[in-house]
Amino acid sequence: MRKMVKMLLRCALTLCLVATPVLAAREDPEWNPPARFDFPYPGKMIIRYLPQPKVVEECRRISKGSIDSLTTRGCAKRLSPKVCVVVIVEETYKRATPSAVLRHERGHCNGWPGTHPD
């Protein structure tokens, strides 16, 4: 019985170590904004960290559009040329870390269109 428990613990630890790099998968160039939008926002960013279901609610409210509840990790809305509200997940969701989501949404604050052109 002890051998089985040790083996299960080793497997669990191995899975954790192997899965960790996958969590950073959203820190990649395919998801990040193009360089011309990937810089610190020069105005005031109001950042709200929320649980994912609340992110969906808030993003639906501020964007007045349809939001996919299963994939939404965050959203951004420019209130003025110098103020942008960003709503992001408070924990990693669908392999996207909060810092990766913030970087993505900051790109939208900087003018990156929602259609995500290069």
C-alpha atoms as a PDB file:
ATOM      1  CA  MET A   1       0.000   0.000   0.000  1.00  0.00           C
ATOM      2  CA  ARG A   2       2.852   2.395   0.854  1.00  0.00           C
ATOM      3  CA  LYS A   3       4.503   1.768  -2.497  1.00  0.00           C
ATOM      4  CA  MET A   4       1.259   2.609  -4.255  1.00  0.00           C
ATOM      5  CA  VAL A   5       0.878   5.880  -2.320  1.00  0.00           C
ATOM      6  CA  LYS A   6       4.496   6.847  -3.049  1.00  0.00           C
ATOM      7  CA  MET A   7       4.024   6.063  -6.718  1.00  0.00           C
ATOM      8  CA  LEU A   8       0.840   8.155  -6.884  1.00  0.00           C
ATOM      9  CA  LEU A   9       2.576  11.064  -5.148  1.00  0.00           C
ATOM     10  CA  ARG A  10       5.483  10.873  -7.584  1.00  0.00           C
ATOM     11  CA  CYS A  11       3.085  10.838 -10.526  1.00  0.00           C
ATOM     12  CA  ALA A  12       1.200  13.836  -9.142  1.00  0.00           C
ATOM     13  CA  LEU A  13       4.442  15.760  -8.591  1.00  0.00           C
ATOM     14  CA  THR A  14       5.656  14.906 -12.082  1.00  0.00           C
ATOM     15  CA  LEU A  15       2.366  16.107 -13.580  1.00  0.00           C
ATOM     16  CA  CYS A  16       2.654  19.385 -11.686  1.00  0.00           C
ATOM     17  CA  LEU A  17       6.180  19.943 -12.939  1.00  0.00           C
ATOM     18  CA  VAL A  18       5.276  19.065 -16.509  1.00  0.00           C
ATOM     19  CA  ALA A  19       2.095  21.170 -16.508  1.00  0.00           C
ATOM     20  CA  THR A  20       3.699  24.331 -15.123  1.00  0.00           C
ATOM     21  CA  PRO A  21       5.213  25.530 -18.429  1.00  0.00           C
ATOM     22  CA  VAL A  22       1.838  25.080 -20.103  1.00  0.00           C
ATOM     23  CA  LEU A  23       0.381  27.717 -17.789  1.00  0.00           C
ATOM     24  CA  ALA A  24       2.608  30.292 -19.431  1.00  0.00           C
ATOM     25  CA  ALA A  25       1.349  29.359 -22.889  1.00  0.00           C
ATOM     26  CA  ARG A  26      -0.576  32.620 -23.146  1.00  0.00           C
ATOM     27  CA  GLU A  27       2.713  34.511 -22.690  1.00  0.00           C
ATOM     28  CA  ASP A  28       3.414  33.934 -26.372  1.00  0.00           C
ATOM     29  CA  PRO A  29       3.581  36.088 -29.495  1.00  0.00           C
ATOM     30  CA  GLU A  30       0.458  34.573 -31.025  1.00  0.00           C
ATOM     31  CA  TRP A  31      -1.699  35.898 -28.175  1.00  0.00           C
ATOM     32  CA  ASN A  32       0.237  39.025 -27.248  1.00  0.00           C
ATOM     33  CA  PRO A  33      -0.439  42.319 -28.991  1.00  0.00           C
ATOM     34  CA  PRO A  34       1.859  43.392 -31.827  1.00  0.00           C
ATOM     35  CA  ALA A  35       4.870  45.455 -30.720  1.00  0.00           C
ATOM     36  CA  ARG A  36       3.259  48.744 -31.758  1.00  0.00           C
ATOM     37  CA  PHE A  37       0.532  48.158 -29.122  1.00  0.00           C
ATOM     38  CA  ASP A  38       2.662  46.296 -26.547  1.00  0.00           C
ATOM     39  CA  PHE A  39       3.915  49.058 -24.259  1.00  0.00           C
ATOM     40  CA  PRO A  40       2.923  50.579 -20.905  1.00  0.00           C
ATOM     41  CA  TYR A  41      -0.350  52.470 -21.158  1.00  0.00           C
ATOM     42  CA  PRO A  42       0.447  56.199 -20.998  1.00  0.00           C
ATOM     43  CA  GLY A  43      -2.810  57.095 -19.242  1.00  0.00           C
ATOM     44  CA  LYS A  44      -4.573  55.786 -16.163  1.00  0.00           C
ATOM     45  CA  MET A  45      -5.497  52.096 -16.181  1.00  0.00           C
ATOM     46  CA  ILE A  46      -8.193  50.995 -13.773  1.00  0.00           C
ATOM     47  CA  ILE A  47      -7.618  47.255 -13.291  1.00  0.00           C
ATOM     48  CA  ARG A  48     -10.197  44.950 -11.738  1.00  0.00           C
ATOM     49  CA  TYR A  49      -9.235  41.366 -10.852  1.00  0.00           C
ATOM     50  CA  LEU A  50     -12.323  39.165 -10.578  1.00  0.00           C
ATOM     51  CA  PRO A  51     -13.299  35.473 -10.560  1.00  0.00           C
ATOM     52  CA  GLN A  52     -13.913  34.295 -14.140  1.00  0.00           C
ATOM     53  CA  PRO A  53     -17.747  34.201 -13.939  1.00  0.00           C
ATOM     54  CA  LYS A  54     -17.705  37.807 -12.666  1.00  0.00           C
ATOM     55  CA  VAL A  55     -15.301  38.764 -15.480  1.00  0.00           C
ATOM     56  CA  VAL A  56     -17.930  37.551 -17.952  1.00  0.00           C
ATOM     57  CA  GLU A  57     -20.659  39.608 -16.246  1.00  0.00           C
ATOM     58  CA  GLU A  58     -18.540  42.752 -16.093  1.00  0.00           C
ATOM     59  CA  CYS A  59     -17.251  42.400 -19.661  1.00  0.00           C
ATOM     60  CA  ARG A  60     -20.798  41.964 -20.950  1.00  0.00           C
ATOM     61  CA  ARG A  61     -21.768  45.105 -19.067  1.00  0.00           C
ATOM     62  CA  ILE A  62     -18.930  47.338 -20.254  1.00  0.00           C
ATOM     63  CA  SER A  63     -18.696  46.042 -23.813  1.00  0.00           C
ATOM     64  CA  LYS A  64     -22.438  45.860 -24.479  1.00  0.00           C
ATOM     65  CA  GLY A  65     -21.736  42.904 -26.721  1.00  0.00           C
ATOM     66  CA  SER A  66     -21.938  39.161 -26.663  1.00  0.00           C
ATOM     67  CA  ILE A  67     -19.182  37.601 -24.591  1.00  0.00           C
ATOM     68  CA  ASP A  68     -18.362  33.884 -24.671  1.00  0.00           C
ATOM     69  CA  SER A  69     -18.685  32.787 -21.062  1.00  0.00           C
ATOM     70  CA  LEU A  70     -16.411  29.772 -21.522  1.00  0.00           C
ATOM     71  CA  THR A  71     -13.397  31.580 -22.953  1.00  0.00           C
ATOM     72  CA  THR A  72     -13.542  35.121 -21.571  1.00  0.00           C
ATOM     73  CA  ARG A  73     -10.436  35.949 -19.565  1.00  0.00           C
ATOM     74  CA  GLY A  74     -10.695  39.722 -19.653  1.00  0.00           C
ATOM     75  CA  CYS A  75     -11.727  42.843 -21.512  1.00  0.00           C
ATOM     76  CA  ALA A  76     -10.766  46.483 -21.825  1.00  0.00           C
ATOM     77  CA  LYS A  77     -12.755  49.649 -22.436  1.00  0.00           C
ATOM     78  CA  ARG A  78     -11.300  53.075 -23.064  1.00  0.00           C
ATOM     79  CA  LEU A  79     -13.385  55.619 -21.182  1.00  0.00           C
ATOM     80  CA  SER A  80     -11.408  58.522 -22.619  1.00  0.00           C
ATOM     81  CA  PRO A  81      -8.087  59.024 -24.428  1.00  0.00           C
ATOM     82  CA  LYS A  82      -6.328  58.888 -21.042  1.00  0.00           C
ATOM     83  CA  VAL A  83      -8.411  56.385 -19.034  1.00  0.00           C
ATOM     84  CA  CYS A  84      -8.894  52.671 -19.722  1.00  0.00           C
ATOM     85  CA  VAL A  85     -10.764  50.124 -17.587  1.00  0.00           C
ATOM     86  CA  VAL A  86      -9.394  46.576 -17.667  1.00  0.00           C
ATOM     87  CA  VAL A  87     -11.210  43.574 -16.192  1.00  0.00           C
ATOM     88  CA  ILE A  88      -9.200  40.367 -15.890  1.00  0.00           C
ATOM     89  CA  VAL A  89      -9.339  36.978 -14.220  1.00  0.00           C
ATOM     90  CA  GLU A  90      -7.853  36.881 -10.745  1.00  0.00           C
ATOM     91  CA  GLU A  91      -6.412  33.392 -11.313  1.00  0.00           C
ATOM     92  CA  THR A  92      -5.050  31.471 -14.283  1.00  0.00           C
ATOM     93  CA  TYR A  93      -7.947  30.461 -16.517  1.00  0.00           C
ATOM     94  CA  LYS A  94      -7.767  28.379 -19.707  1.00  0.00           C
ATOM     95  CA  ARG A  95      -3.953  28.513 -19.522  1.00  0.00           C
ATOM     96  CA  ALA A  96      -3.903  32.316 -19.424  1.00  0.00           C
ATOM     97  CA  THR A  97      -2.221  33.871 -16.401  1.00  0.00           C
ATOM     98  CA  PRO A  98      -3.536  37.180 -15.059  1.00  0.00           C
ATOM     99  CA  SER A  99      -0.299  38.876 -16.175  1.00  0.00           C
ATOM    100  CA  ALA A 100      -0.716  37.520 -19.719  1.00  0.00           C
ATOM    101  CA  VAL A 101      -4.331  38.694 -19.816  1.00  0.00           C
ATOM    102  CA  LEU A 102      -3.286  42.111 -18.524  1.00  0.00           C
ATOM    103  CA  ARG A 103      -0.680  42.406 -21.270  1.00  0.00           C
ATOM    104  CA  HIS A 104      -3.263  41.415 -23.894  1.00  0.00           C
ATOM    105  CA  GLU A 105      -5.885  43.856 -22.611  1.00  0.00           C
ATOM    106  CA  ARG A 106      -3.314  46.651 -22.217  1.00  0.00           C
ATOM    107  CA  GLY A 107      -2.751  46.267 -25.960  1.00  0.00           C
ATOM    108  CA  HIS A 108      -6.437  47.079 -26.468  1.00  0.00           C
ATOM    109  CA  CYS A 109      -6.076  50.141 -24.229  1.00  0.00           C
ATOM    110  CA  ASN A 110      -3.218  51.197 -26.512  1.00  0.00           C
ATOM    111  CA  GLY A 111      -5.438  50.966 -29.588  1.00  0.00           C
ATOM    112  CA  TRP A 112      -5.154  47.329 -30.688  1.00  0.00           C
ATOM    113  CA  PRO A 113      -8.520  46.503 -32.315  1.00  0.00           C
ATOM    114  CA  GLY A 114     -10.655  43.671 -30.989  1.00  0.00           C
ATOM    115  CA  THR A 115     -10.251  41.867 -34.309  1.00  0.00           C
ATOM    116  CA  HIS A 116      -6.587  41.324 -33.334  1.00  0.00           C
ATOM    117  CA  PRO A 117      -4.854  42.274 -36.592  1.00  0.00           C
ATOM    118  CA  ASP A 118      -1.064  42.096 -36.722  1.00  0.00           C
END
